[in-house]
PDB file of all heavy atoms in Angstrom:
ATOM      1  N   GLU A   1      -0.781   2.228  -8.232  1.00  0.00           N
ATOM      2  CA  GLU A   1      -1.798   3.276  -8.200  1.00  0.00           C
ATOM      3  C   GLU A   1      -2.492   3.345  -6.843  1.00  0.00           C
ATOM      4  O   GLU A   1      -2.763   4.441  -6.324  1.00  0.00           O
ATOM      5  CB  GLU A   1      -2.829   3.038  -9.308  1.00  0.00           C
ATOM      6  CG  GLU A   1      -2.264   3.230 -10.713  1.00  0.00           C
ATOM      7  CD  GLU A   1      -3.237   2.831 -11.802  1.00  0.00           C
ATOM      8  OE1 GLU A   1      -4.338   2.304 -11.460  1.00  0.00           O
ATOM      9  OE2 GLU A   1      -2.906   3.036 -12.989  1.00  0.00           O
ATOM     10  N   ASN A   2      -2.762   2.191  -6.246  1.00  0.00           N
ATOM     11  CA  ASN A   2      -3.509   2.181  -4.985  1.00  0.00           C
ATOM     12  C   ASN A   2      -2.664   2.586  -3.782  1.00  0.00           C
ATOM     13  O   ASN A   2      -3.157   3.244  -2.858  1.00  0.00           O
ATOM     14  CB  ASN A   2      -4.125   0.810  -4.751  1.00  0.00           C
ATOM     15  CG  ASN A   2      -5.263   0.510  -5.716  1.00  0.00           C
ATOM     16  OD1 ASN A   2      -5.818   1.431  -6.321  1.00  0.00           O
ATOM     17  ND2 ASN A   2      -5.601  -0.746  -5.872  1.00  0.00           N
ATOM     18  N   ILE A   3      -1.387   2.209  -3.775  1.00  0.00           N
ATOM     19  CA  ILE A   3      -0.548   2.586  -2.634  1.00  0.00           C
ATOM     20  C   ILE A   3      -0.314   4.090  -2.612  1.00  0.00           C
ATOM     21  O   ILE A   3      -0.069   4.677  -1.549  1.00  0.00           O
ATOM     22  CB  ILE A   3       0.798   1.830  -2.653  1.00  0.00           C
ATOM     23  CG1 ILE A   3       1.468   1.922  -1.275  1.00  0.00           C
ATOM     24  CG2 ILE A   3       1.718   2.345  -3.756  1.00  0.00           C
ATOM     25  CD1 ILE A   3       2.716   1.069  -1.143  1.00  0.00           C
ATOM     26  N   ALA A   4      -0.423   4.732  -3.768  1.00  0.00           N
ATOM     27  CA  ALA A   4      -0.228   6.185  -3.851  1.00  0.00           C
ATOM     28  C   ALA A   4      -1.301   6.946  -3.073  1.00  0.00           C
ATOM     29  O   ALA A   4      -1.106   8.121  -2.741  1.00  0.00           O
ATOM     30  CB  ALA A   4      -0.224   6.631  -5.312  1.00  0.00           C
ATOM     31  N   ARG A   5      -2.401   6.282  -2.748  1.00  0.00           N
ATOM     32  CA  ARG A   5      -3.487   6.922  -1.991  1.00  0.00           C
ATOM     33  C   ARG A   5      -3.247   6.832  -0.490  1.00  0.00           C
ATOM     34  O   ARG A   5      -4.074   7.305   0.296  1.00  0.00           O
ATOM     35  CB  ARG A   5      -4.816   6.255  -2.352  1.00  0.00           C
ATOM     36  CG  ARG A   5      -5.167   6.343  -3.839  1.00  0.00           C
ATOM     37  CD  ARG A   5      -6.583   5.840  -4.105  1.00  0.00           C
ATOM     38  NE  ARG A   5      -6.916   5.918  -5.513  1.00  0.00           N
ATOM     39  CZ  ARG A   5      -6.867   4.880  -6.355  1.00  0.00           C
ATOM     40  NH1 ARG A   5      -6.517   3.677  -5.897  1.00  0.00           N
ATOM     41  NH2 ARG A   5      -7.175   5.031  -7.629  1.00  0.00           N
ATOM     42  N   THR A   6      -2.146   6.212  -0.085  1.00  0.00           N
ATOM     43  CA  THR A   6      -1.824   6.089   1.340  1.00  0.00           C
ATOM     44  C   THR A   6      -0.651   7.003   1.692  1.00  0.00           C
ATOM     45  O   THR A   6      -0.084   7.662   0.819  1.00  0.00           O
ATOM     46  CB  THR A   6      -1.439   4.634   1.697  1.00  0.00           C
ATOM     47  OG1 THR A   6      -0.125   4.344   1.183  1.00  0.00           O
ATOM     48  CG2 THR A   6      -2.438   3.650   1.120  1.00  0.00           C
ATOM     49  N   ASP A   7      -0.290   6.995   2.956  1.00  0.00           N
ATOM     50  CA  ASP A   7       0.868   7.779   3.415  1.00  0.00           C
ATOM     51  C   ASP A   7       2.146   6.941   3.451  1.00  0.00           C
ATOM     52  O   ASP A   7       3.183   7.423   3.924  1.00  0.00           O
ATOM     53  CB  ASP A   7       0.599   8.345   4.819  1.00  0.00           C
ATOM     54  CG  ASP A   7      -0.523   9.388   4.808  1.00  0.00           C
ATOM     55  OD1 ASP A   7      -0.657  10.086   3.792  1.00  0.00           O
ATOM     56  OD2 ASP A   7      -1.245   9.483   5.825  1.00  0.00           O
ATOM     57  N   LEU A   8       2.087   5.715   2.969  1.00  0.00           N
ATOM     58  CA  LEU A   8       3.267   4.854   2.987  1.00  0.00           C
ATOM     59  C   LEU A   8       4.324   5.344   1.996  1.00  0.00           C
ATOM     60  O   LEU A   8       3.996   5.824   0.906  1.00  0.00           O
ATOM     61  CB  LEU A   8       2.888   3.419   2.621  1.00  0.00           C
ATOM     62  CG  LEU A   8       2.035   2.640   3.630  1.00  0.00           C
ATOM     63  CD1 LEU A   8       1.593   1.315   3.022  1.00  0.00           C
ATOM     64  CD2 LEU A   8       2.822   2.395   4.911  1.00  0.00           C
ATOM     65  N   CYS A   9       5.584   5.200   2.365  1.00  0.00           N
ATOM     66  CA  CYS A   9       6.672   5.378   1.403  1.00  0.00           C
ATOM     67  C   CYS A   9       6.743   4.101   0.563  1.00  0.00           C
ATOM     68  O   CYS A   9       6.546   3.004   1.085  1.00  0.00           O
ATOM     69  CB  CYS A   9       7.996   5.597   2.121  1.00  0.00           C
ATOM     70  SG  CYS A   9       8.051   7.106   3.117  1.00  0.00           S
ATOM     71  N   TYR A  10       7.023   4.239  -0.717  1.00  0.00           N
ATOM     72  CA  TYR A  10       7.025   3.039  -1.546  1.00  0.00           C
ATOM     73  C   TYR A  10       7.986   3.153  -2.719  1.00  0.00           C
ATOM     74  O   TYR A  10       8.392   4.246  -3.118  1.00  0.00           O
ATOM     75  CB  TYR A  10       5.618   2.708  -2.046  1.00  0.00           C
ATOM     76  CG  TYR A  10       4.960   3.763  -2.925  1.00  0.00           C
ATOM     77  CD1 TYR A  10       4.970   3.637  -4.318  1.00  0.00           C
ATOM     78  CD2 TYR A  10       4.310   4.862  -2.367  1.00  0.00           C
ATOM     79  CE1 TYR A  10       4.359   4.586  -5.120  1.00  0.00           C
ATOM     80  CE2 TYR A  10       3.693   5.809  -3.159  1.00  0.00           C
ATOM     81  CZ  TYR A  10       3.721   5.668  -4.540  1.00  0.00           C
ATOM     82  OH  TYR A  10       3.117   6.609  -5.334  1.00  0.00           O
ATOM     83  N   GLY A  11       8.371   1.984  -3.222  1.00  0.00           N
ATOM     84  CA  GLY A  11       9.278   1.908  -4.351  1.00  0.00           C
ATOM     85  C   GLY A  11       9.007   0.645  -5.147  1.00  0.00           C
ATOM     86  O   GLY A  11       8.148  -0.165  -4.786  1.00  0.00           O
ATOM     87  N   ALA A  12       9.768   0.462  -6.226  1.00  0.00           N
ATOM     88  CA  ALA A  12       9.564  -0.674  -7.122  1.00  0.00           C
ATOM     89  C   ALA A  12      10.863  -1.464  -7.259  1.00  0.00           C
ATOM     90  O   ALA A  12      11.944  -0.885  -7.296  1.00  0.00           O
ATOM     91  CB  ALA A  12       9.094  -0.192  -8.493  1.00  0.00           C
ATOM     92  N   TYR A  13      10.717  -2.789  -7.362  1.00  0.00           N
ATOM     93  CA  TYR A  13      11.910  -3.615  -7.543  1.00  0.00           C
ATOM     94  C   TYR A  13      11.833  -4.435  -8.826  1.00  0.00           C
ATOM     95  O   TYR A  13      10.746  -4.731  -9.342  1.00  0.00           O
ATOM     96  CB  TYR A  13      12.176  -4.496  -6.328  1.00  0.00           C
ATOM     97  CG  TYR A  13      11.309  -5.722  -6.139  1.00  0.00           C
ATOM     98  CD1 TYR A  13      11.650  -6.942  -6.716  1.00  0.00           C
ATOM     99  CD2 TYR A  13      10.169  -5.683  -5.326  1.00  0.00           C
ATOM    100  CE1 TYR A  13      10.887  -8.077  -6.513  1.00  0.00           C
ATOM    101  CE2 TYR A  13       9.401  -6.810  -5.114  1.00  0.00           C
ATOM    102  CZ  TYR A  13       9.759  -8.006  -5.705  1.00  0.00           C
ATOM    103  OH  TYR A  13       8.989  -9.136  -5.498  1.00  0.00           O
ATOM    104  N   HIS A  14      13.016  -4.770  -9.329  1.00  0.00           N
ATOM    105  CA  HIS A  14      13.179  -5.565 -10.544  1.00  0.00           C
ATOM    106  C   HIS A  14      13.830  -6.887 -10.189  1.00  0.00           C
ATOM    107  O   HIS A  14      14.822  -6.922  -9.454  1.00  0.00           O
ATOM    108  CB  HIS A  14      14.056  -4.811 -11.552  1.00  0.00           C
ATOM    109  CG  HIS A  14      14.419  -5.627 -12.759  1.00  0.00           C
ATOM    110  ND1 HIS A  14      13.583  -5.767 -13.835  1.00  0.00           N
ATOM    111  CD2 HIS A  14      15.540  -6.358 -13.049  1.00  0.00           C
ATOM    112  CE1 HIS A  14      14.156  -6.533 -14.748  1.00  0.00           C
ATOM    113  NE2 HIS A  14      15.348  -6.916 -14.290  1.00  0.00           N
ATOM    114  N   PHE A  15      13.302  -7.993 -10.712  1.00  0.00           N
ATOM    115  CA  PHE A  15      13.889  -9.313 -10.506  1.00  0.00           C
ATOM    116  C   PHE A  15      14.861  -9.581 -11.644  1.00  0.00           C
ATOM    117  O   PHE A  15      14.470  -9.672 -12.811  1.00  0.00           O
ATOM    118  CB  PHE A  15      12.793 -10.380 -10.466  1.00  0.00           C
ATOM    119  CG  PHE A  15      13.270 -11.722  -9.989  1.00  0.00           C
ATOM    120  CD1 PHE A  15      13.120 -12.089  -8.666  1.00  0.00           C
ATOM    121  CD2 PHE A  15      13.872 -12.613 -10.870  1.00  0.00           C
ATOM    122  CE1 PHE A  15      13.570 -13.332  -8.220  1.00  0.00           C
ATOM    123  CE2 PHE A  15      14.317 -13.847 -10.440  1.00  0.00           C
ATOM    124  CZ  PHE A  15      14.168 -14.212  -9.110  1.00  0.00           C
ATOM    125  N   PHE A  16      16.142  -9.690 -11.293  1.00  0.00           N
ATOM    126  CA  PHE A  16      17.195  -9.845 -12.289  1.00  0.00           C
ATOM    127  C   PHE A  16      17.199 -11.244 -12.891  1.00  0.00           C
ATOM    128  O   PHE A  16      17.163 -12.243 -12.184  1.00  0.00           O
ATOM    129  CB  PHE A  16      18.552  -9.557 -11.641  1.00  0.00           C
ATOM    130  CG  PHE A  16      19.733  -9.786 -12.539  1.00  0.00           C
ATOM    131  CD1 PHE A  16      19.965  -8.989 -13.644  1.00  0.00           C
ATOM    132  CD2 PHE A  16      20.625 -10.813 -12.260  1.00  0.00           C
ATOM    133  CE1 PHE A  16      21.061  -9.202 -14.467  1.00  0.00           C
ATOM    134  CE2 PHE A  16      21.724 -11.034 -13.068  1.00  0.00           C
ATOM    135  CZ  PHE A  16      21.941 -10.230 -14.180  1.00  0.00           C
ATOM    136  N   SER A  17      17.264 -11.289 -14.237  1.00  0.00           N
ATOM    137  CA  SER A  17      17.357 -12.553 -14.953  1.00  0.00           C
ATOM    138  C   SER A  17      18.798 -12.819 -15.361  1.00  0.00           C
ATOM    139  O   SER A  17      19.487 -11.922 -15.854  1.00  0.00           O
ATOM    140  CB  SER A  17      16.471 -12.520 -16.206  1.00  0.00           C
ATOM    141  OG  SER A  17      16.731 -13.629 -17.031  1.00  0.00           O
ATOM    142  N   PHE A  18      19.254 -14.047 -15.167  1.00  0.00           N
ATOM    143  CA  PHE A  18      20.591 -14.439 -15.592  1.00  0.00           C
ATOM    144  C   PHE A  18      20.665 -14.619 -17.109  1.00  0.00           C
ATOM    145  O   PHE A  18      21.757 -14.777 -17.656  1.00  0.00           O
ATOM    146  CB  PHE A  18      20.993 -15.771 -14.948  1.00  0.00           C
ATOM    147  CG  PHE A  18      21.106 -15.739 -13.454  1.00  0.00           C
ATOM    148  CD1 PHE A  18      21.285 -16.914 -12.746  1.00  0.00           C
ATOM    149  CD2 PHE A  18      21.048 -14.550 -12.734  1.00  0.00           C
ATOM    150  CE1 PHE A  18      21.400 -16.922 -11.358  1.00  0.00           C
ATOM    151  CE2 PHE A  18      21.161 -14.537 -11.352  1.00  0.00           C
ATOM    152  CZ  PHE A  18      21.335 -15.728 -10.672  1.00  0.00           C
ATOM    153  N   ASP A  19      19.511 -14.607 -17.764  1.00  0.00           N
ATOM    154  CA  ASP A  19      19.437 -15.051 -19.158  1.00  0.00           C
ATOM    155  C   ASP A  19      19.154 -13.957 -20.179  1.00  0.00           C
ATOM    156  O   ASP A  19      18.915 -14.268 -21.349  1.00  0.00           O
ATOM    157  CB  ASP A  19      18.350 -16.131 -19.279  1.00  0.00           C
ATOM    158  CG  ASP A  19      18.590 -17.301 -18.343  1.00  0.00           C
ATOM    159  OD1 ASP A  19      19.711 -17.836 -18.375  1.00  0.00           O
ATOM    160  OD2 ASP A  19      17.680 -17.663 -17.586  1.00  0.00           O
ATOM    161  N   SER A  20      19.154 -12.699 -19.769  1.00  0.00           N
ATOM    162  CA  SER A  20      18.924 -11.646 -20.747  1.00  0.00           C
ATOM    163  C   SER A  20      19.820 -10.449 -20.477  1.00  0.00           C
ATOM    164  O   SER A  20      20.396 -10.320 -19.386  1.00  0.00           O
ATOM    165  CB  SER A  20      17.453 -11.216 -20.761  1.00  0.00           C
ATOM    166  OG  SER A  20      17.043 -10.726 -19.503  1.00  0.00           O
ATOM    167  N   ALA A  21      19.931  -9.574 -21.451  1.00  0.00           N
ATOM    168  CA  ALA A  21      20.870  -8.461 -21.402  1.00  0.00           C
ATOM    169  C   ALA A  21      20.477  -7.431 -20.348  1.00  0.00           C
ATOM    170  O   ALA A  21      19.288  -7.123 -20.171  1.00  0.00           O
ATOM    171  CB  ALA A  21      20.950  -7.788 -22.770  1.00  0.00           C
ATOM    172  N   GLY A  22      21.481  -6.894 -19.659  1.00  0.00           N
ATOM    173  CA  GLY A  22      21.229  -5.893 -18.634  1.00  0.00           C
ATOM    174  C   GLY A  22      20.571  -4.638 -19.194  1.00  0.00           C
ATOM    175  O   GLY A  22      19.717  -4.036 -18.533  1.00  0.00           O
ATOM    176  N   GLU A  23      20.925  -4.251 -20.395  1.00  0.00           N
ATOM    177  CA  GLU A  23      20.372  -3.032 -20.987  1.00  0.00           C
ATOM    178  C   GLU A  23      18.871  -3.157 -21.218  1.00  0.00           C
ATOM    179  O   GLU A  23      18.101  -2.239 -20.903  1.00  0.00           O
ATOM    180  CB  GLU A  23      21.075  -2.734 -22.307  1.00  0.00           C
ATOM    181  CG  GLU A  23      20.618  -1.428 -22.956  1.00  0.00           C
ATOM    182  CD  GLU A  23      21.382  -1.105 -24.215  1.00  0.00           C
ATOM    183  OE1 GLU A  23      22.319  -1.862 -24.558  1.00  0.00           O
ATOM    184  OE2 GLU A  23      21.059  -0.091 -24.859  1.00  0.00           O
ATOM    185  N   THR A  24      18.425  -4.288 -21.759  1.00  0.00           N
ATOM    186  CA  THR A  24      16.992  -4.460 -22.011  1.00  0.00           C
ATOM    187  C   THR A  24      16.227  -4.675 -20.705  1.00  0.00           C
ATOM    188  O   THR A  24      15.052  -4.306 -20.602  1.00  0.00           O
ATOM    189  CB  THR A  24      16.744  -5.628 -22.974  1.00  0.00           C
ATOM    190  OG1 THR A  24      17.431  -6.805 -22.492  1.00  0.00           O
ATOM    191  CG2 THR A  24      17.261  -5.296 -24.367  1.00  0.00           C
ATOM    192  N   GLN A  25      16.876  -5.252 -19.711  1.00  0.00           N
ATOM    193  CA  GLN A  25      16.222  -5.377 -18.410  1.00  0.00           C
ATOM    194  C   GLN A  25      15.998  -3.995 -17.791  1.00  0.00           C
ATOM    195  O   GLN A  25      14.937  -3.720 -17.214  1.00  0.00           O
ATOM    196  CB  GLN A  25      17.058  -6.249 -17.472  1.00  0.00           C
ATOM    197  CG  GLN A  25      17.132  -7.706 -17.895  1.00  0.00           C
ATOM    198  CD  GLN A  25      17.656  -8.606 -16.797  1.00  0.00           C
ATOM    199  OE1 GLN A  25      17.093  -8.664 -15.698  1.00  0.00           O
ATOM    200  NE2 GLN A  25      18.728  -9.344 -17.082  1.00  0.00           N
ATOM    201  N   ALA A  26      16.998  -3.127 -17.919  1.00  0.00           N
ATOM    202  CA  ALA A  26      16.854  -1.762 -17.399  1.00  0.00           C
ATOM    203  C   ALA A  26      15.731  -1.033 -18.109  1.00  0.00           C
ATOM    204  O   ALA A  26      14.919  -0.339 -17.480  1.00  0.00           O
ATOM    205  CB  ALA A  26      18.167  -1.003 -17.554  1.00  0.00           C
ATOM    206  N   GLN A  27      15.649  -1.185 -19.419  1.00  0.00           N
ATOM    207  CA  GLN A  27      14.600  -0.507 -20.180  1.00  0.00           C
ATOM    208  C   GLN A  27      13.212  -1.023 -19.805  1.00  0.00           C
ATOM    209  O   GLN A  27      12.240  -0.271 -19.788  1.00  0.00           O
ATOM    210  CB  GLN A  27      14.843  -0.675 -21.683  1.00  0.00           C
ATOM    211  CG  GLN A  27      15.990   0.171 -22.210  1.00  0.00           C
ATOM    212  CD  GLN A  27      15.815   1.645 -21.876  1.00  0.00           C
ATOM    213  OE1 GLN A  27      14.740   2.232 -22.068  1.00  0.00           O
ATOM    214  NE2 GLN A  27      16.879   2.263 -21.342  1.00  0.00           N
ATOM    215  N   ASN A  28      13.129  -2.316 -19.503  1.00  0.00           N
ATOM    216  CA  ASN A  28      11.857  -2.875 -19.057  1.00  0.00           C
ATOM    217  C   ASN A  28      11.400  -2.195 -17.770  1.00  0.00           C
ATOM    218  O   ASN A  28      10.232  -1.790 -17.636  1.00  0.00           O
ATOM    219  CB  ASN A  28      12.003  -4.385 -18.848  1.00  0.00           C
ATOM    220  CG  ASN A  28      10.693  -5.070 -18.514  1.00  0.00           C
ATOM    221  OD1 ASN A  28       9.615  -4.596 -18.876  1.00  0.00           O
ATOM    222  ND2 ASN A  28      10.785  -6.209 -17.832  1.00  0.00           N
ATOM    223  N   TYR A  29      12.322  -2.052 -16.822  1.00  0.00           N
ATOM    224  CA  TYR A  29      11.998  -1.393 -15.554  1.00  0.00           C
ATOM    225  C   TYR A  29      11.636   0.075 -15.779  1.00  0.00           C
ATOM    226  O   TYR A  29      10.603   0.559 -15.282  1.00  0.00           O
ATOM    227  CB  TYR A  29      13.183  -1.503 -14.604  1.00  0.00           C
ATOM    228  CG  TYR A  29      12.959  -0.867 -13.245  1.00  0.00           C
ATOM    229  CD1 TYR A  29      12.518  -1.623 -12.167  1.00  0.00           C
ATOM    230  CD2 TYR A  29      13.200   0.494 -13.028  1.00  0.00           C
ATOM    231  CE1 TYR A  29      12.325  -1.060 -10.913  1.00  0.00           C
ATOM    232  CE2 TYR A  29      13.009   1.067 -11.782  1.00  0.00           C
ATOM    233  CZ  TYR A  29      12.568   0.290 -10.734  1.00  0.00           C
ATOM    234  OH  TYR A  29      12.378   0.876  -9.506  1.00  0.00           O
ATOM    235  N   ILE A  30      12.460   0.796 -16.509  1.00  0.00           N
ATOM    236  CA  ILE A  30      12.268   2.238 -16.695  1.00  0.00           C
ATOM    237  C   ILE A  30      10.955   2.530 -17.408  1.00  0.00           C
ATOM    238  O   ILE A  30      10.198   3.426 -17.008  1.00  0.00           O
ATOM    239  CB  ILE A  30      13.457   2.835 -17.470  1.00  0.00           C
ATOM    240  CG1 ILE A  30      14.728   2.771 -16.611  1.00  0.00           C
ATOM    241  CG2 ILE A  30      13.171   4.285 -17.873  1.00  0.00           C
ATOM    242  CD1 ILE A  30      16.007   3.018 -17.384  1.00  0.00           C
ATOM    243  N   SER A  31      10.662   1.779 -18.467  1.00  0.00           N
ATOM    244  CA  SER A  31       9.431   2.034 -19.224  1.00  0.00           C
ATOM    245  C   SER A  31       8.192   1.641 -18.431  1.00  0.00           C
ATOM    246  O   SER A  31       7.119   2.212 -18.613  1.00  0.00           O
ATOM    247  CB  SER A  31       9.463   1.270 -20.554  1.00  0.00           C
ATOM    248  OG  SER A  31       9.524  -0.133 -20.331  1.00  0.00           O
ATOM    249  N   THR A  32       8.335   0.675 -17.520  1.00  0.00           N
ATOM    250  CA  THR A  32       7.191   0.240 -16.714  1.00  0.00           C
ATOM    251  C   THR A  32       6.953   1.157 -15.526  1.00  0.00           C
ATOM    252  O   THR A  32       5.824   1.573 -15.259  1.00  0.00           O
ATOM    253  CB  THR A  32       7.422  -1.203 -16.202  1.00  0.00           C
ATOM    254  OG1 THR A  32       7.551  -2.081 -17.318  1.00  0.00           O
ATOM    255  CG2 THR A  32       6.259  -1.660 -15.327  1.00  0.00           C
ATOM    256  N   VAL A  33       8.005   1.503 -14.818  1.00  0.00           N
ATOM    257  CA  VAL A  33       7.884   2.274 -13.577  1.00  0.00           C
ATOM    258  C   VAL A  33       7.807   3.764 -13.836  1.00  0.00           C
ATOM    259  O   VAL A  33       7.051   4.499 -13.195  1.00  0.00           O
ATOM    260  CB  VAL A  33       9.062   1.953 -12.631  1.00  0.00           C
ATOM    261  CG1 VAL A  33       9.003   2.816 -11.377  1.00  0.00           C
ATOM    262  CG2 VAL A  33       9.069   0.477 -12.270  1.00  0.00           C
ATOM    263  N   GLY A  34       8.592   4.241 -14.787  1.00  0.00           N
ATOM    264  CA  GLY A  34       8.604   5.668 -15.066  1.00  0.00           C
ATOM    265  C   GLY A  34       9.300   6.456 -13.975  1.00  0.00           C
ATOM    266  O   GLY A  34      10.257   5.993 -13.358  1.00  0.00           O
ATOM    267  N   SER A  35       8.794   7.645 -13.702  1.00  0.00           N
ATOM    268  CA  SER A  35       9.412   8.533 -12.719  1.00  0.00           C
ATOM    269  C   SER A  35       9.352   7.938 -11.312  1.00  0.00           C
ATOM    270  O   SER A  35       8.367   7.311 -10.921  1.00  0.00           O
ATOM    271  CB  SER A  35       8.701   9.886 -12.720  1.00  0.00           C
ATOM    272  OG  SER A  35       9.170  10.691 -11.656  1.00  0.00           O
ATOM    273  N   LEU A  36      10.440   8.164 -10.565  1.00  0.00           N
ATOM    274  CA  LEU A  36      10.475   7.769  -9.158  1.00  0.00           C
ATOM    275  C   LEU A  36      10.572   8.987  -8.242  1.00  0.00           C
ATOM    276  O   LEU A  36      10.962   8.867  -7.084  1.00  0.00           O
ATOM    277  CB  LEU A  36      11.654   6.828  -8.887  1.00  0.00           C
ATOM    278  CG  LEU A  36      11.492   5.383  -9.369  1.00  0.00           C
ATOM    279  CD1 LEU A  36      12.770   4.587  -9.133  1.00  0.00           C
ATOM    280  CD2 LEU A  36      10.308   4.706  -8.684  1.00  0.00           C
ATOM    281  N   ASP A  37      10.215  10.140  -8.745  1.00  0.00           N
ATOM    282  CA  ASP A  37      10.237  11.346  -7.918  1.00  0.00           C
ATOM    283  C   ASP A  37       9.343  11.153  -6.694  1.00  0.00           C
ATOM    284  O   ASP A  37       8.160  10.807  -6.809  1.00  0.00           O
ATOM    285  CB  ASP A  37       9.744  12.556  -8.713  1.00  0.00           C
ATOM    286  CG  ASP A  37      10.732  12.980  -9.793  1.00  0.00           C
ATOM    287  OD1 ASP A  37      11.855  12.451  -9.805  1.00  0.00           O
ATOM    288  OD2 ASP A  37      10.368  13.826 -10.632  1.00  0.00           O
ATOM    289  N   GLY A  38       9.924  11.362  -5.520  1.00  0.00           N
ATOM    290  CA  GLY A  38       9.179  11.178  -4.284  1.00  0.00           C
ATOM    291  C   GLY A  38       9.047   9.738  -3.847  1.00  0.00           C
ATOM    292  O   GLY A  38       8.410   9.451  -2.829  1.00  0.00           O
ATOM    293  N   LYS A  39       9.643   8.825  -4.616  1.00  0.00           N
ATOM    294  CA  LYS A  39       9.562   7.396  -4.296  1.00  0.00           C
ATOM    295  C   LYS A  39      10.911   6.903  -3.765  1.00  0.00           C
ATOM    296  O   LYS A  39      11.902   7.618  -3.760  1.00  0.00           O
ATOM    297  CB  LYS A  39       9.192   6.594  -5.541  1.00  0.00           C
ATOM    298  CG  LYS A  39       8.054   7.143  -6.374  1.00  0.00           C
ATOM    299  CD  LYS A  39       6.752   7.194  -5.622  1.00  0.00           C
ATOM    300  CE  LYS A  39       5.575   7.523  -6.543  1.00  0.00           C
ATOM    301  NZ  LYS A  39       5.722   8.789  -7.291  1.00  0.00           N
TER     302      LYS A  39
END
């Protein structure tokens, strides 16, 4: 929320776990980050 008030370009990263399913990891990222339009 705070970086959005600046002119910086920004994005979000996910730390991959060796111990859980790729599908649920993707859903964790998608539901947390949401839209990346303009990011």
